[in-house]
Amino acid sequence: MHKKIIVIGLGNFGGNLAIKLTEDGHEVFGVDKSPAKVELLQRKINHAIGLDTSEESSINHLPIDDCDLVVVAIGENVGASITTTALIKKHFNGRIIARSLTTVHKTVLEAMQIDEIIEPEAEYAHELANRIMVKGAIKSMELHGDYEIVEVKIPRKVIGKTLGELDIKTKHKAHIITVIKQTEKSNYLGSPTMQKKVYGILHSVYQFEENDLLLVFGNKKNIDRFIEENA
């Protein structure tokens, strides 16, 4: 389901988030007080707006009443982020995601009862560390203990085999939860982009294809060994 989303702060994180959401088919309103940042994204997202959201009068120029989600992605000014978040909270009753820049900032956002607080640098650092550990990993989710769920490009020797033939559970004590299919489609702006769709539950007769992405659960060392042996 496509949503109408406001992204406030179009720096490296916010700008890339706005572009990705646009590519995924959402209607995005990107907001920043910097004319240079707004101009940079004008041809890449649906709406790029120049506003200083730390001023309450600016909030009235946003489609607050008609949007599904607001992301406060300001990454340089803690004061501006807190003020903006407070104003959004005052005028918007929907889902708010706010970026935390410091420990104190996070405490303030928690006190404001913000729905979701993100720390992209810390989260990415953990994910990157896991990806370094597992060859071929695209994304990873670390679980308790030494287990994780990893999205990996399909190893060469796996292509054409069935899940039953692979027998990953017995040989590597890991599980392929599902696969993600990739197809090229045009986004809202007409640019080509890769669309991903989860296949669903895999049965033993499922035959792996060349462009499949595998979602694998298991011990980090076992997943890495499975990839190495099938490369």
C-alpha atoms as a PDB file:
ATOM      1  CA  MET A   1       0.000   0.000   0.000  1.00  0.00           C
ATOM      2  CA  HIS A   2       1.495   3.317  -1.086  1.00  0.00           C
ATOM      3  CA  LYS A   3       1.653   6.072   1.524  1.00  0.00           C
ATOM      4  CA  LYS A   4       1.995   9.835   1.666  1.00  0.00           C
ATOM      5  CA  ILE A   5       5.150  10.559   3.681  1.00  0.00           C
ATOM      6  CA  ILE A   6       6.845  13.756   4.861  1.00  0.00           C
ATOM      7  CA  VAL A   7      10.625  13.575   5.342  1.00  0.00           C
ATOM      8  CA  ILE A   8      12.099  16.559   7.186  1.00  0.00           C
ATOM      9  CA  GLY A   9      15.854  17.008   6.762  1.00  0.00           C
ATOM     10  CA  LEU A  10      17.338  16.181   3.373  1.00  0.00           C
ATOM     11  CA  GLY A  11      20.948  15.521   4.302  1.00  0.00           C
ATOM     12  CA  ASN A  12      22.724  12.278   3.473  1.00  0.00           C
ATOM     13  CA  PHE A  13      20.334  10.093   5.493  1.00  0.00           C
ATOM     14  CA  GLY A  14      17.080  11.965   4.929  1.00  0.00           C
ATOM     15  CA  GLY A  15      17.778  12.613   1.256  1.00  0.00           C
ATOM     16  CA  ASN A  16      18.525   8.968   0.505  1.00  0.00           C
ATOM     17  CA  LEU A  17      15.488   7.873   2.508  1.00  0.00           C
ATOM     18  CA  ALA A  18      13.253  10.228   0.504  1.00  0.00           C
ATOM     19  CA  ILE A  19      14.652   8.917  -2.800  1.00  0.00           C
ATOM     20  CA  LYS A  20      14.202   5.267  -1.785  1.00  0.00           C
ATOM     21  CA  LEU A  21      10.629   5.846  -0.612  1.00  0.00           C
ATOM     22  CA  THR A  22       9.862   7.545  -3.936  1.00  0.00           C
ATOM     23  CA  GLU A  23      11.367   4.617  -5.837  1.00  0.00           C
ATOM     24  CA  ASP A  24       9.138   2.286  -3.816  1.00  0.00           C
ATOM     25  CA  GLY A  25       6.089   4.156  -5.089  1.00  0.00           C
ATOM     26  CA  HIS A  26       5.228   6.369  -2.113  1.00  0.00           C
ATOM     27  CA  GLU A  27       4.333  10.047  -2.476  1.00  0.00           C
ATOM     28  CA  VAL A  28       7.130  11.889  -0.677  1.00  0.00           C
ATOM     29  CA  PHE A  29       7.306  15.460   0.540  1.00  0.00           C
ATOM     30  CA  GLY A  30      10.969  16.244   1.263  1.00  0.00           C
ATOM     31  CA  VAL A  31      11.560  19.316   3.434  1.00  0.00           C
ATOM     32  CA  ASP A  32      14.727  21.246   4.251  1.00  0.00           C
ATOM     33  CA  LYS A  33      15.629  24.862   4.951  1.00  0.00           C
ATOM     34  CA  SER A  34      18.696  24.581   2.705  1.00  0.00           C
ATOM     35  CA  PRO A  35      17.900  25.692  -0.883  1.00  0.00           C
ATOM     36  CA  ALA A  36      20.864  23.646  -2.168  1.00  0.00           C
ATOM     37  CA  LYS A  37      19.546  20.401  -0.649  1.00  0.00           C
ATOM     38  CA  VAL A  38      16.035  21.087  -1.915  1.00  0.00           C
ATOM     39  CA  GLU A  39      17.292  21.795  -5.435  1.00  0.00           C
ATOM     40  CA  LEU A  40      19.392  18.627  -5.418  1.00  0.00           C
ATOM     41  CA  LEU A  41      16.316  16.446  -4.847  1.00  0.00           C
ATOM     42  CA  GLN A  42      13.762  18.286  -6.986  1.00  0.00           C
ATOM     43  CA  ARG A  43      14.040  15.819  -9.863  1.00  0.00           C
ATOM     44  CA  LYS A  44      14.409  12.754  -7.636  1.00  0.00           C
ATOM     45  CA  ILE A  45      11.355  12.918  -5.363  1.00  0.00           C
ATOM     46  CA  ASN A  46       7.734  13.978  -5.796  1.00  0.00           C
ATOM     47  CA  HIS A  47       7.846  17.225  -3.815  1.00  0.00           C
ATOM     48  CA  ALA A  48      10.950  19.059  -2.540  1.00  0.00           C
ATOM     49  CA  ILE A  49      10.034  21.980  -0.296  1.00  0.00           C
ATOM     50  CA  GLY A  50      12.203  24.720   1.225  1.00  0.00           C
ATOM     51  CA  LEU A  51      10.986  25.453   4.776  1.00  0.00           C
ATOM     52  CA  ASP A  52      12.417  26.058   8.232  1.00  0.00           C
ATOM     53  CA  THR A  53      10.357  23.577  10.236  1.00  0.00           C
ATOM     54  CA  SER A  54      11.583  24.956  13.560  1.00  0.00           C
ATOM     55  CA  GLU A  55       9.104  27.792  12.968  1.00  0.00           C
ATOM     56  CA  GLU A  56       5.488  26.865  13.691  1.00  0.00           C
ATOM     57  CA  SER A  57       4.152  28.915  10.784  1.00  0.00           C
ATOM     58  CA  SER A  58       6.064  26.631   8.384  1.00  0.00           C
ATOM     59  CA  ILE A  59       4.235  23.525   9.614  1.00  0.00           C
ATOM     60  CA  ASN A  60       0.995  24.966   8.242  1.00  0.00           C
ATOM     61  CA  HIS A  61       2.468  24.774   4.719  1.00  0.00           C
ATOM     62  CA  LEU A  62       2.873  20.992   4.943  1.00  0.00           C
ATOM     63  CA  PRO A  63       0.114  18.464   4.123  1.00  0.00           C
ATOM     64  CA  ILE A  64       0.072  17.288   7.739  1.00  0.00           C
ATOM     65  CA  ASP A  65      -3.632  16.449   7.785  1.00  0.00           C
ATOM     66  CA  ASP A  66      -3.354  14.325   4.659  1.00  0.00           C
ATOM     67  CA  CYS A  67      -0.187  12.288   5.292  1.00  0.00           C
ATOM     68  CA  ASP A  68       0.379   8.840   6.780  1.00  0.00           C
ATOM     69  CA  LEU A  69       3.810   9.285   8.328  1.00  0.00           C
ATOM     70  CA  VAL A  70       6.329  11.982   9.247  1.00  0.00           C
ATOM     71  CA  VAL A  71      10.054  11.263   9.495  1.00  0.00           C
ATOM     72  CA  VAL A  72      12.208  13.853  11.283  1.00  0.00           C
ATOM     73  CA  ALA A  73      15.622  13.092   9.779  1.00  0.00           C
ATOM     74  CA  ILE A  74      17.482  16.292  10.722  1.00  0.00           C
ATOM     75  CA  GLY A  75      21.095  15.316  11.314  1.00  0.00           C
ATOM     76  CA  GLU A  76      23.112  18.397  12.212  1.00  0.00           C
ATOM     77  CA  ASN A  77      21.168  20.495  14.705  1.00  0.00           C
ATOM     78  CA  VAL A  78      19.768  18.835  17.828  1.00  0.00           C
ATOM     79  CA  GLY A  79      17.836  21.959  18.797  1.00  0.00           C
ATOM     80  CA  ALA A  80      16.154  22.219  15.394  1.00  0.00           C
ATOM     81  CA  SER A  81      15.328  18.514  15.507  1.00  0.00           C
ATOM     82  CA  ILE A  82      13.711  18.734  18.960  1.00  0.00           C
ATOM     83  CA  THR A  83      11.729  21.862  18.061  1.00  0.00           C
ATOM     84  CA  THR A  84      10.573  20.365  14.764  1.00  0.00           C
ATOM     85  CA  THR A  85       9.563  17.098  16.418  1.00  0.00           C
ATOM     86  CA  ALA A  86       7.611  18.966  19.112  1.00  0.00           C
ATOM     87  CA  LEU A  87       5.735  20.994  16.488  1.00  0.00           C
ATOM     88  CA  ILE A  88       4.953  17.899  14.419  1.00  0.00           C
ATOM     89  CA  LYS A  89       3.732  16.154  17.576  1.00  0.00           C
ATOM     90  CA  LYS A  90       1.479  19.141  18.302  1.00  0.00           C
ATOM     91  CA  HIS A  91      -0.125  19.268  14.850  1.00  0.00           C
ATOM     92  CA  PHE A  92      -0.049  15.608  13.750  1.00  0.00           C
ATOM     93  CA  ASN A  93      -1.729  12.632  15.381  1.00  0.00           C
ATOM     94  CA  GLY A  94      -0.237   9.955  13.115  1.00  0.00           C
ATOM     95  CA  ARG A  95       2.957   7.927  13.134  1.00  0.00           C
ATOM     96  CA  ILE A  96       6.187   9.866  13.778  1.00  0.00           C
ATOM     97  CA  ILE A  97       9.716   8.521  13.327  1.00  0.00           C
ATOM     98  CA  ALA A  98      12.517  10.717  14.673  1.00  0.00           C
ATOM     99  CA  ARG A  99      16.275  10.475  14.283  1.00  0.00           C
ATOM    100  CA  SER A 100      18.314  10.584  17.495  1.00  0.00           C
ATOM    101  CA  LEU A 101      21.700  12.328  17.372  1.00  0.00           C
ATOM    102  CA  THR A 102      22.887  11.960  20.987  1.00  0.00           C
ATOM    103  CA  THR A 103      21.970  10.084  24.157  1.00  0.00           C
ATOM    104  CA  VAL A 104      20.376  13.209  25.634  1.00  0.00           C
ATOM    105  CA  HIS A 105      18.475  13.792  22.391  1.00  0.00           C
ATOM    106  CA  LYS A 106      17.104  10.251  22.573  1.00  0.00           C
ATOM    107  CA  THR A 107      16.000  10.800  26.182  1.00  0.00           C
ATOM    108  CA  VAL A 108      14.106  13.945  25.141  1.00  0.00           C
ATOM    109  CA  LEU A 109      12.395  12.105  22.264  1.00  0.00           C
ATOM    110  CA  GLU A 110      11.408   9.295  24.634  1.00  0.00           C
ATOM    111  CA  ALA A 111       9.924  11.860  27.027  1.00  0.00           C
ATOM    112  CA  MET A 112       7.937  13.273  24.102  1.00  0.00           C
ATOM    113  CA  GLN A 113       6.551   9.750  23.494  1.00  0.00           C
ATOM    114  CA  ILE A 114       7.663   9.585  19.876  1.00  0.00           C
ATOM    115  CA  ASP A 115       6.468   6.393  18.162  1.00  0.00           C
ATOM    116  CA  GLU A 116       9.840   5.300  16.782  1.00  0.00           C
ATOM    117  CA  ILE A 117      13.339   6.588  17.504  1.00  0.00           C
ATOM    118  CA  ILE A 118      16.118   5.614  15.115  1.00  0.00           C
ATOM    119  CA  GLU A 119      19.899   5.825  15.324  1.00  0.00           C
ATOM    120  CA  PRO A 120      20.956   5.127  11.703  1.00  0.00           C
ATOM    121  CA  GLU A 121      24.712   5.397  12.250  1.00  0.00           C
ATOM    122  CA  ALA A 122      24.737   2.940  15.161  1.00  0.00           C
ATOM    123  CA  GLU A 123      22.282   0.581  13.443  1.00  0.00           C
ATOM    124  CA  TYR A 124      24.272   0.578  10.226  1.00  0.00           C
ATOM    125  CA  ALA A 125      27.538   0.021  12.089  1.00  0.00           C
ATOM    126  CA  HIS A 126      26.115  -3.157  13.693  1.00  0.00           C
ATOM    127  CA  GLU A 127      24.729  -4.372  10.372  1.00  0.00           C
ATOM    128  CA  LEU A 128      27.980  -3.665   8.538  1.00  0.00           C
ATOM    129  CA  ALA A 129      29.952  -5.571  11.164  1.00  0.00           C
ATOM    130  CA  ASN A 130      27.707  -8.597  10.596  1.00  0.00           C
ATOM    131  CA  ARG A 131      27.963  -8.277   6.813  1.00  0.00           C
ATOM    132  CA  ILE A 132      31.750  -8.249   7.053  1.00  0.00           C
ATOM    133  CA  MET A 133      31.570 -11.510   8.986  1.00  0.00           C
ATOM    134  CA  VAL A 134      29.406 -13.257   6.351  1.00  0.00           C
ATOM    135  CA  LYS A 135      30.633 -13.215   2.748  1.00  0.00           C
ATOM    136  CA  GLY A 136      27.948 -12.231   0.237  1.00  0.00           C
ATOM    137  CA  ALA A 137      25.590 -10.773   2.834  1.00  0.00           C
ATOM    138  CA  ILE A 138      23.418  -7.865   1.671  1.00  0.00           C
ATOM    139  CA  LYS A 139      21.496  -7.213   4.882  1.00  0.00           C
ATOM    140  CA  SER A 140      21.468  -8.810   8.297  1.00  0.00           C
ATOM    141  CA  MET A 141      19.435  -8.854  11.496  1.00  0.00           C
ATOM    142  CA  GLU A 142      21.296  -9.905  14.603  1.00  0.00           C
ATOM    143  CA  LEU A 143      19.301 -11.973  17.089  1.00  0.00           C
ATOM    144  CA  HIS A 144      20.048 -12.963  20.682  1.00  0.00           C
ATOM    145  CA  GLY A 145      23.039 -15.226  21.076  1.00  0.00           C
ATOM    146  CA  ASP A 146      25.134 -15.962  18.018  1.00  0.00           C
ATOM    147  CA  TYR A 147      22.224 -16.239  15.586  1.00  0.00           C
ATOM    148  CA  GLU A 148      21.070 -13.942  12.830  1.00  0.00           C
ATOM    149  CA  ILE A 149      18.881 -13.671   9.742  1.00  0.00           C
ATOM    150  CA  VAL A 150      20.887 -12.733   6.656  1.00  0.00           C
ATOM    151  CA  GLU A 151      19.802 -11.713   3.165  1.00  0.00           C
ATOM    152  CA  VAL A 152      22.417 -13.046   0.723  1.00  0.00           C
ATOM    153  CA  LYS A 153      22.935 -13.262  -3.005  1.00  0.00           C
ATOM    154  CA  ILE A 154      22.358 -16.816  -4.171  1.00  0.00           C
ATOM    155  CA  PRO A 155      25.649 -18.783  -4.260  1.00  0.00           C
ATOM    156  CA  ARG A 156      26.525 -20.120  -7.732  1.00  0.00           C
ATOM    157  CA  LYS A 157      26.258 -23.835  -6.841  1.00  0.00           C
ATOM    158  CA  VAL A 158      22.778 -23.387  -5.370  1.00  0.00           C
ATOM    159  CA  ILE A 159      21.225 -22.211  -8.669  1.00  0.00           C
ATOM    160  CA  GLY A 160      19.068 -24.950 -10.185  1.00  0.00           C
ATOM    161  CA  LYS A 161      18.941 -27.091  -7.047  1.00  0.00           C
ATOM    162  CA  THR A 162      15.793 -27.759  -5.072  1.00  0.00           C
ATOM    163  CA  LEU A 163      15.488 -27.007  -1.368  1.00  0.00           C
ATOM    164  CA  GLY A 164      15.345 -30.752  -0.711  1.00  0.00           C
ATOM    165  CA  GLU A 165      18.547 -31.418  -2.667  1.00  0.00           C
ATOM    166  CA  LEU A 166      20.327 -28.629  -0.839  1.00  0.00           C
ATOM    167  CA  ASP A 167      19.516 -30.116   2.580  1.00  0.00           C
ATOM    168  CA  ILE A 168      20.966 -27.052   4.324  1.00  0.00           C
ATOM    169  CA  LYS A 169      19.393 -28.009   7.671  1.00  0.00           C
ATOM    170  CA  THR A 170      21.349 -31.269   7.911  1.00  0.00           C
ATOM    171  CA  LYS A 171      24.587 -30.158   6.276  1.00  0.00           C
ATOM    172  CA  HIS A 172      24.948 -26.679   7.775  1.00  0.00           C
ATOM    173  CA  LYS A 173      22.421 -26.486  10.652  1.00  0.00           C
ATOM    174  CA  ALA A 174      20.804 -23.463   9.024  1.00  0.00           C
ATOM    175  CA  HIS A 175      17.436 -22.717   7.432  1.00  0.00           C
ATOM    176  CA  ILE A 176      16.455 -20.877   4.246  1.00  0.00           C
ATOM    177  CA  ILE A 177      13.345 -19.102   5.484  1.00  0.00           C
ATOM    178  CA  THR A 178      12.249 -17.872   2.057  1.00  0.00           C
ATOM    179  CA  VAL A 179      13.569 -16.246  -1.108  1.00  0.00           C
ATOM    180  CA  ILE A 180      13.117 -12.737  -2.446  1.00  0.00           C
ATOM    181  CA  LYS A 181      12.311 -12.372  -6.140  1.00  0.00           C
ATOM    182  CA  GLN A 182      13.692  -9.371  -8.037  1.00  0.00           C
ATOM    183  CA  THR A 183      12.039  -7.772 -11.061  1.00  0.00           C
ATOM    184  CA  GLU A 184      12.840  -4.520 -12.846  1.00  0.00           C
ATOM    185  CA  LYS A 185      10.015  -1.969 -12.911  1.00  0.00           C
ATOM    186  CA  SER A 186       9.590   1.762 -13.430  1.00  0.00           C
ATOM    187  CA  ASN A 187       9.106   3.896 -10.331  1.00  0.00           C
ATOM    188  CA  TYR A 188       6.769   6.877  -9.868  1.00  0.00           C
ATOM    189  CA  LEU A 189       9.137   9.087 -11.883  1.00  0.00           C
ATOM    190  CA  GLY A 190       9.581   6.552 -14.687  1.00  0.00           C
ATOM    191  CA  SER A 191      13.116   5.511 -13.737  1.00  0.00           C
ATOM    192  CA  PRO A 192      13.981   1.784 -13.717  1.00  0.00           C
ATOM    193  CA  THR A 193      14.344   0.217 -10.270  1.00  0.00           C
ATOM    194  CA  MET A 194      14.548  -3.300  -8.882  1.00  0.00           C
ATOM    195  CA  GLN A 195      11.361  -4.348  -7.125  1.00  0.00           C
ATOM    196  CA  LYS A 196      11.620  -7.058  -4.482  1.00  0.00           C
ATOM    197  CA  LYS A 197       8.835  -9.477  -3.549  1.00  0.00           C
ATOM    198  CA  VAL A 198       8.941 -12.198  -0.919  1.00  0.00           C
ATOM    199  CA  TYR A 199       8.122 -15.586  -2.458  1.00  0.00           C
ATOM    200  CA  GLY A 200       6.460 -17.078   0.623  1.00  0.00           C
ATOM    201  CA  ILE A 201       6.856 -20.470   2.301  1.00  0.00           C
ATOM    202  CA  LEU A 202       9.386 -22.748   0.574  1.00  0.00           C
ATOM    203  CA  HIS A 203       8.715 -26.447   0.032  1.00  0.00           C
ATOM    204  CA  SER A 204      11.287 -29.151  -0.674  1.00  0.00           C
ATOM    205  CA  VAL A 205      10.518 -29.082  -4.435  1.00  0.00           C
ATOM    206  CA  TYR A 206      11.253 -25.357  -4.800  1.00  0.00           C
ATOM    207  CA  GLN A 207      14.027 -24.864  -7.390  1.00  0.00           C
ATOM    208  CA  PHE A 208      16.334 -21.919  -6.826  1.00  0.00           C
ATOM    209  CA  GLU A 209      16.755 -19.391  -9.654  1.00  0.00           C
ATOM    210  CA  GLU A 210      19.641 -17.154 -10.684  1.00  0.00           C
ATOM    211  CA  ASN A 211      18.312 -13.836  -9.337  1.00  0.00           C
ATOM    212  CA  ASP A 212      16.958 -15.196  -6.049  1.00  0.00           C
ATOM    213  CA  LEU A 213      18.023 -13.548  -2.814  1.00  0.00           C
ATOM    214  CA  LEU A 214      18.108 -16.021   0.077  1.00  0.00           C
ATOM    215  CA  LEU A 215      16.861 -15.201   3.553  1.00  0.00           C
ATOM    216  CA  VAL A 216      18.904 -17.505   5.792  1.00  0.00           C
ATOM    217  CA  PHE A 217      18.597 -18.130   9.533  1.00  0.00           C
ATOM    218  CA  GLY A 218      21.339 -19.699  11.573  1.00  0.00           C
ATOM    219  CA  ASN A 219      24.630 -19.402  13.411  1.00  0.00           C
ATOM    220  CA  LYS A 220      26.940 -16.844  11.779  1.00  0.00           C
ATOM    221  CA  LYS A 221      29.742 -19.351  11.222  1.00  0.00           C
ATOM    222  CA  ASN A 222      27.382 -21.935   9.729  1.00  0.00           C
ATOM    223  CA  ILE A 223      25.856 -19.422   7.317  1.00  0.00           C
ATOM    224  CA  ASP A 224      29.322 -18.296   6.240  1.00  0.00           C
ATOM    225  CA  ARG A 225      30.406 -21.917   5.688  1.00  0.00           C
ATOM    226  CA  PHE A 226      27.273 -22.622   3.594  1.00  0.00           C
ATOM    227  CA  ILE A 227      28.049 -19.646   1.353  1.00  0.00           C
ATOM    228  CA  GLU A 228      31.756 -20.506   1.020  1.00  0.00           C
ATOM    229  CA  GLU A 229      31.075 -24.146   0.088  1.00  0.00           C
ATOM    230  CA  ASN A 230      28.526 -23.184  -2.562  1.00  0.00           C
ATOM    231  CA  ALA A 231      30.287 -20.166  -4.085  1.00  0.00           C
END
